[in-house]
Amino acid sequence: MANWQGVSEFLAVVETASFTKAAKRLGISTAHVSRQVAMLEERLNTRLFYRTTRRVSTTEEGDVYYQHCRMVADALKEAESAVTQLQETPNGHIKLTAPVTYGEKVVMPLILDFMDRYPEIHVDIDLTNTPLDLIDSGCDFALRLGRLTDSSMVCKRLATRKLIVCGAPEFLSKFGTPHTLSELPHFNCLRGQHDYWRFRESGKECTVRVKGSLRCNSGVGLVDAAKRGMGLVQLPDYYIDEALASGELVRVLNAYQDMEEGIWALFPHRRLQSLRVKLLVDFLADGLAHGARSTATQNDILRVATSSGR
């Protein structure tokens, strides 16, 4: 491939910021690297590097060319890997990150099932509520909840979550049940990080400022307080599904429930996914969808039983 001549050397220089280090990486002479890059610049009729006695950096054209060449090189590597893995048991290492509670309650059981199915794949999962830089941390992907703000990432929607307002039956019996958003400020609301809750009214998103006797940055802690009858709480469904199914908590303000939010897999920009990563992402998507269907079925059974007086 004549048009590929010099590209490997170019990539190595960009990624090491040095002609000497690039030569060492490739196992060839510095003079050969310099000659190949010079020929590449001549063929492209453009300057790819700024060179000084102290450093090497890409020009604007060099940076653009690097992004495209890196994608092609990764694609070739991935093609070779894909062909090889078709003849082998999926194996290798996957690193991902996910929020703490969601990771513990929902993701980890699925990860363990995945590892039972693919015992040659090793998984390193970092549960943290602090978003990690996927490139610096070496993560293959991250699971993120709700609305995305980072436009530099490639994302895939795996499932959805709902924000639900609920309270214990004894709390509702003692203090009443809110039926409109205007009533909510008169109730003791157990808060997380924000002083407002999100709803949808007449097809439009809106917020209601709430107040109460407890603020806690732990969803698990807020669920426990709500089950003790201390107040109302608004949390994602995975925190409270079990309590709703058991009757320990009861949904309120259903007509104002905000739209479902996405549960996403985020990937480093332009990084191609290995077969093992694709297998895990697809496995999580299937598992999360199945879990959502199971929860919906349980809640439907509970509502039927309640309406039947049993």
Protein backbone atom coordinates (compact mmCIF):
# COMPACT_ATOMS: atom_id res chain seq x y z
CA MET A 1 0.00 0.00 0.00
CA ALA A 2 2.00 2.95 -1.30
CA ASN A 3 -0.33 5.49 0.30
CA TRP A 4 0.32 3.93 3.73
CA GLN A 5 4.08 4.44 3.42
CA GLY A 6 5.30 6.69 6.20
CA VAL A 7 2.03 6.58 8.16
CA SER A 8 3.25 4.17 10.84
CA GLU A 9 6.28 6.37 11.40
CA PHE A 10 4.10 9.47 11.48
CA LEU A 11 1.79 7.95 14.10
CA ALA A 12 4.71 6.91 16.27
CA VAL A 13 6.23 10.41 16.17
CA VAL A 14 2.93 12.03 17.14
CA GLU A 15 2.34 9.62 20.02
CA THR A 16 5.88 9.84 21.41
CA ALA A 17 6.48 13.52 20.50
CA SER A 18 9.94 12.47 19.38
CA PHE A 19 11.60 11.08 16.26
CA THR A 20 14.11 9.22 18.41
CA LYS A 21 11.46 7.63 20.64
CA ALA A 22 9.36 6.78 17.59
CA ALA A 23 12.33 4.97 16.06
CA LYS A 24 12.88 3.05 19.29
CA ARG A 25 9.21 2.06 19.41
CA LEU A 26 9.29 0.80 15.82
CA GLY A 27 12.73 -0.83 16.07
CA ILE A 28 14.23 1.19 13.21
CA SER A 29 16.70 4.05 12.88
CA THR A 30 15.86 7.67 13.59
CA ALA A 31 17.11 8.58 10.13
CA HIS A 32 14.63 6.15 8.56
CA VAL A 33 11.74 7.64 10.55
CA SER A 34 12.74 11.16 9.55
CA ARG A 35 13.08 10.16 5.89
CA GLN A 36 9.65 8.45 5.83
CA VAL A 37 7.92 11.40 7.45
CA ALA A 38 9.61 13.81 5.03
CA MET A 39 8.42 11.71 2.08
CA LEU A 40 4.91 11.67 3.56
CA GLU A 41 4.88 15.45 3.90
CA GLU A 42 6.10 15.78 0.31
CA ARG A 43 3.38 13.44 -0.94
CA LEU A 44 0.69 15.35 0.99
CA ASN A 45 2.26 18.69 0.04
CA THR A 46 1.84 19.93 3.59
CA ARG A 47 3.83 20.33 6.78
CA LEU A 48 2.81 17.87 9.49
CA PHE A 49 5.19 18.85 12.32
CA TYR A 50 6.75 21.85 13.96
CA ARG A 51 10.32 20.85 14.79
CA THR A 52 12.64 22.56 17.27
CA THR A 53 15.73 21.36 19.08
CA ARG A 54 13.60 20.70 22.17
CA ARG A 55 10.27 19.34 20.96
CA VAL A 56 8.15 18.05 18.11
CA SER A 57 4.48 19.02 17.81
CA THR A 58 1.85 18.61 15.10
CA THR A 59 0.64 21.40 12.88
CA GLU A 60 -3.10 21.88 12.46
CA GLU A 61 -2.92 19.74 9.31
CA GLY A 62 -0.86 17.17 11.17
CA ASP A 63 -3.41 16.94 13.95
CA VAL A 64 -6.27 16.38 11.49
CA TYR A 65 -4.26 13.79 9.57
CA TYR A 66 -3.36 12.01 12.81
CA GLN A 67 -7.00 11.67 13.88
CA HIS A 68 -7.93 10.00 10.60
CA CYS A 69 -4.82 7.80 10.42
CA ARG A 70 -5.31 6.67 14.03
CA MET A 71 -8.83 5.56 13.19
CA VAL A 72 -7.60 3.59 10.18
CA ALA A 73 -4.79 1.98 12.16
CA ASP A 74 -7.18 1.04 14.96
CA ALA A 75 -9.61 -0.37 12.41
CA LEU A 76 -6.90 -2.58 10.91
CA LYS A 77 -5.91 -3.79 14.36
CA GLU A 78 -9.53 -4.44 15.25
CA ALA A 79 -10.10 -6.31 11.98
CA GLU A 80 -7.20 -8.64 12.75
CA SER A 81 -8.45 -9.13 16.30
CA ALA A 82 -12.01 -9.82 15.12
CA VAL A 83 -10.86 -12.49 12.67
CA THR A 84 -8.69 -14.12 15.33
CA GLN A 85 -11.40 -14.05 17.98
CA LEU A 86 -13.91 -15.71 15.65
CA GLN A 87 -11.77 -18.82 16.00
CA GLU A 88 -11.19 -18.48 19.74
CA THR A 89 -13.10 -18.24 22.99
CA PRO A 90 -13.66 -14.53 23.82
CA ASN A 91 -10.91 -13.48 26.20
CA GLY A 92 -8.97 -10.51 27.45
CA HIS A 93 -9.48 -7.62 29.84
CA ILE A 94 -12.31 -5.05 30.12
CA LYS A 95 -12.23 -1.98 32.32
CA LEU A 96 -15.35 0.07 33.00
CA THR A 97 -16.76 2.50 35.52
CA ALA A 98 -20.29 2.98 36.89
CA PRO A 99 -22.06 4.92 39.67
CA VAL A 100 -21.79 3.29 43.10
CA THR A 101 -25.34 2.32 44.04
CA TYR A 102 -26.48 1.54 40.51
CA GLY A 103 -23.32 -0.50 40.05
CA GLU A 104 -23.85 -2.46 43.26
CA LYS A 105 -27.57 -3.10 42.85
CA VAL A 106 -27.93 -3.53 39.10
CA VAL A 107 -24.65 -3.76 37.21
CA MET A 108 -22.59 -6.13 39.36
CA PRO A 109 -25.09 -9.05 39.23
CA LEU A 110 -25.06 -8.75 35.43
CA ILE A 111 -21.26 -8.57 35.33
CA LEU A 112 -21.04 -11.77 37.36
CA ASP A 113 -23.48 -13.50 35.01
CA PHE A 114 -21.41 -12.30 32.05
CA MET A 115 -18.20 -13.66 33.60
CA ASP A 116 -19.90 -17.02 34.18
CA ARG A 117 -20.69 -17.13 30.47
CA TYR A 118 -17.25 -15.90 29.35
CA PRO A 119 -14.75 -17.15 31.96
CA GLU A 120 -11.75 -16.10 29.86
CA ILE A 121 -12.75 -12.43 30.05
CA HIS A 122 -11.47 -10.51 33.06
CA VAL A 123 -13.39 -7.44 34.25
CA ASP A 124 -12.10 -4.45 36.20
CA ILE A 125 -14.99 -2.24 37.35
CA ASP A 126 -14.51 1.03 39.23
CA LEU A 127 -17.67 2.07 41.09
CA THR A 128 -17.54 5.80 41.72
CA ASN A 129 -19.90 8.75 41.59
CA THR A 130 -17.08 10.94 40.28
CA PRO A 131 -17.00 10.81 36.47
CA LEU A 132 -13.64 9.47 35.35
CA ASP A 133 -11.72 10.59 32.30
CA LEU A 134 -12.05 7.47 30.19
CA ILE A 135 -8.79 7.96 28.32
CA ASP A 136 -6.65 8.81 31.35
CA SER A 137 -8.18 6.00 33.42
CA GLY A 138 -7.88 3.45 30.62
CA CYS A 139 -11.57 2.57 30.78
CA ASP A 140 -13.14 0.89 27.76
CA PHE A 141 -16.47 2.46 28.61
CA ALA A 142 -18.51 4.07 31.37
CA LEU A 143 -22.09 3.63 32.45
CA ARG A 144 -23.74 7.01 32.98
CA LEU A 145 -27.25 7.83 34.15
CA GLY A 146 -29.62 10.61 33.16
CA ARG A 147 -28.73 13.49 30.88
CA LEU A 148 -25.39 13.56 29.14
CA THR A 149 -23.30 16.70 29.00
CA ASP A 150 -20.04 15.46 27.47
CA SER A 151 -20.35 15.79 23.70
CA SER A 152 -16.84 14.37 23.08
CA MET A 153 -17.97 10.84 23.89
CA VAL A 154 -19.58 8.19 21.71
CA CYS A 155 -22.65 6.84 23.49
CA LYS A 156 -25.14 3.99 23.28
CA ARG A 157 -28.45 3.98 25.13
CA LEU A 158 -28.87 0.73 27.05
CA ALA A 159 -32.03 1.29 29.07
CA THR A 160 -34.03 4.00 30.86
CA ARG A 161 -34.76 5.10 34.41
CA LYS A 162 -37.67 7.01 35.95
CA LEU A 163 -37.75 9.53 38.77
CA ILE A 164 -40.51 8.54 41.19
CA VAL A 165 -41.99 10.35 44.20
CA CYS A 166 -43.14 8.11 47.01
CA GLY A 167 -43.72 7.86 50.72
CA ALA A 168 -44.52 5.28 53.41
CA PRO A 169 -48.20 4.39 53.94
CA GLU A 170 -48.04 5.60 57.57
CA PHE A 171 -46.67 8.99 56.46
CA LEU A 172 -49.43 9.41 53.88
CA SER A 173 -52.04 8.30 56.40
CA LYS A 174 -50.81 10.84 58.94
CA PHE A 175 -50.07 13.85 56.71
CA GLY A 176 -52.18 13.17 53.62
CA THR A 177 -51.26 12.60 49.98
CA PRO A 178 -50.27 15.42 47.60
CA HIS A 179 -52.35 15.42 44.42
CA THR A 180 -50.93 18.55 42.72
CA LEU A 181 -47.49 20.09 42.50
CA SER A 182 -48.69 23.18 44.36
CA GLU A 183 -49.28 21.03 47.44
CA LEU A 184 -45.76 19.58 47.51
CA PRO A 185 -44.03 22.47 49.36
CA HIS A 186 -46.33 21.81 52.34
CA PHE A 187 -44.91 18.29 52.81
CA ASN A 188 -41.68 17.18 54.43
CA CYS A 189 -39.44 16.24 51.49
CA LEU A 190 -36.26 14.25 52.00
CA ARG A 191 -33.68 15.82 49.73
CA GLY A 192 -30.53 14.72 47.98
CA GLN A 193 -28.11 17.13 46.32
CA HIS A 194 -30.75 19.55 45.05
CA ASP A 195 -33.46 21.70 46.64
CA TYR A 196 -35.82 21.07 43.74
CA TRP A 197 -37.55 18.06 42.19
CA ARG A 198 -38.21 17.56 38.50
CA PHE A 199 -41.65 16.94 37.00
CA ARG A 200 -43.61 17.19 33.77
CA GLU A 201 -46.81 19.22 33.68
CA SER A 202 -48.94 19.82 30.58
CA GLY A 203 -46.22 18.24 28.46
CA LYS A 204 -43.49 20.59 29.72
CA GLU A 205 -40.67 19.96 32.15
CA CYS A 206 -40.84 21.93 35.38
CA THR A 207 -39.19 22.00 38.79
CA VAL A 208 -40.64 22.44 42.26
CA ARG A 209 -38.54 23.74 45.16
CA VAL A 210 -38.89 21.45 48.15
CA LYS A 211 -37.82 21.57 51.78
CA GLY A 212 -37.63 19.11 54.59
CA SER A 213 -35.90 17.86 57.71
CA LEU A 214 -33.26 15.70 56.02
CA ARG A 215 -30.65 16.16 53.31
CA CYS A 216 -28.49 13.17 52.37
CA ASN A 217 -26.25 12.43 49.39
CA SER A 218 -27.03 8.70 49.65
CA GLY A 219 -30.07 7.35 47.84
CA VAL A 220 -30.00 4.27 50.06
CA GLY A 221 -30.12 6.50 53.14
CA LEU A 222 -33.06 8.46 51.74
CA VAL A 223 -34.97 5.25 50.98
CA ASP A 224 -34.46 4.07 54.56
CA ALA A 225 -35.71 7.41 55.92
CA ALA A 226 -38.76 7.30 53.64
CA LYS A 227 -39.61 3.74 54.70
CA ARG A 228 -39.50 4.92 58.33
CA GLY A 229 -42.24 7.43 57.54
CA MET A 230 -40.05 10.54 57.79
CA GLY A 231 -41.20 12.14 54.53
CA LEU A 232 -41.56 11.98 50.77
CA VAL A 233 -38.65 11.20 48.49
CA GLN A 234 -37.94 11.49 44.75
CA LEU A 235 -35.46 8.91 43.49
CA PRO A 236 -34.68 6.84 40.39
CA ASP A 237 -36.71 3.65 40.17
CA TYR A 238 -33.85 1.24 40.87
CA TYR A 239 -33.54 2.61 44.41
CA ILE A 240 -37.18 2.01 45.32
CA ASP A 241 -38.55 -0.78 43.09
CA GLU A 242 -38.30 -3.37 45.85
CA ALA A 243 -39.92 -1.09 48.45
CA LEU A 244 -42.75 -0.28 46.02
CA ALA A 245 -43.28 -3.96 45.23
CA SER A 246 -43.43 -4.85 48.94
CA GLY A 247 -45.76 -1.97 49.78
CA GLU A 248 -43.26 -0.30 52.11
CA LEU A 249 -43.46 2.77 49.86
CA VAL A 250 -46.34 4.10 47.77
CA ARG A 251 -46.08 6.23 44.63
CA VAL A 252 -47.63 9.69 44.57
CA LEU A 253 -47.97 12.42 41.94
CA ASN A 254 -47.88 9.83 39.14
CA ALA A 255 -49.53 12.22 36.70
CA TYR A 256 -46.53 14.55 36.97
CA GLN A 257 -43.76 12.00 36.58
CA ASP A 258 -40.90 13.34 34.49
CA MET A 259 -39.98 11.65 31.22
CA GLU A 260 -37.74 8.60 31.33
CA GLU A 261 -34.01 9.31 31.27
CA GLY A 262 -31.37 7.27 29.52
CA ILE A 263 -28.89 4.81 30.96
CA TRP A 264 -25.88 5.06 28.68
CA ALA A 265 -22.66 3.34 27.77
CA LEU A 266 -20.07 6.00 26.95
CA PHE A 267 -16.95 5.23 24.95
CA PRO A 268 -13.77 7.26 24.39
CA HIS A 269 -14.12 9.38 21.27
CA ARG A 270 -13.26 7.48 18.10
CA ARG A 271 -11.98 4.40 19.93
CA LEU A 272 -13.10 1.21 18.26
CA GLN A 273 -14.72 -1.39 20.49
CA SER A 274 -13.19 -4.83 20.82
CA LEU A 275 -15.37 -7.91 20.44
CA ARG A 276 -15.29 -8.55 24.19
CA VAL A 277 -16.47 -5.00 24.94
CA LYS A 278 -19.28 -5.32 22.42
CA LEU A 279 -20.29 -8.62 24.01
CA LEU A 280 -20.46 -7.04 27.47
CA VAL A 281 -22.35 -3.94 26.32
CA ASP A 282 -24.92 -6.06 24.49
CA PHE A 283 -25.19 -8.35 27.53
CA LEU A 284 -25.84 -5.38 29.81
CA ALA A 285 -28.43 -3.94 27.43
CA ASP A 286 -30.31 -7.25 27.33
CA GLY A 287 -30.05 -7.70 31.10
CA LEU A 288 -31.22 -4.18 31.88
CA ALA A 289 -34.17 -4.51 29.50
CA HIS A 290 -35.13 -7.85 31.06
CA GLY A 291 -34.83 -6.35 34.55
CA ALA A 292 -37.10 -3.46 33.59
CA ARG A 293 -39.71 -5.86 32.23
CA SER A 294 -39.52 -7.99 35.39
CA THR A 295 -39.98 -4.96 37.63
CA ALA A 296 -42.92 -3.71 35.59
CA THR A 297 -44.56 -7.13 35.85
CA GLN A 298 -44.09 -7.23 39.63
CA ASN A 299 -45.57 -3.76 40.03
CA ASP A 300 -48.54 -4.68 37.81
CA ILE A 301 -49.20 -7.77 39.95
CA LEU A 302 -49.01 -5.65 43.10
CA ARG A 303 -51.47 -3.09 41.72
CA VAL A 304 -53.93 -5.82 40.70
CA ALA A 305 -53.66 -7.46 44.12
CA THR A 306 -54.19 -4.12 45.89
CA SER A 307 -57.18 -3.20 43.75
CA SER A 308 -58.68 -6.65 44.45
CA GLY A 309 -58.46 -6.09 48.18
CA ARG A 310 -56.00 -8.93 48.78
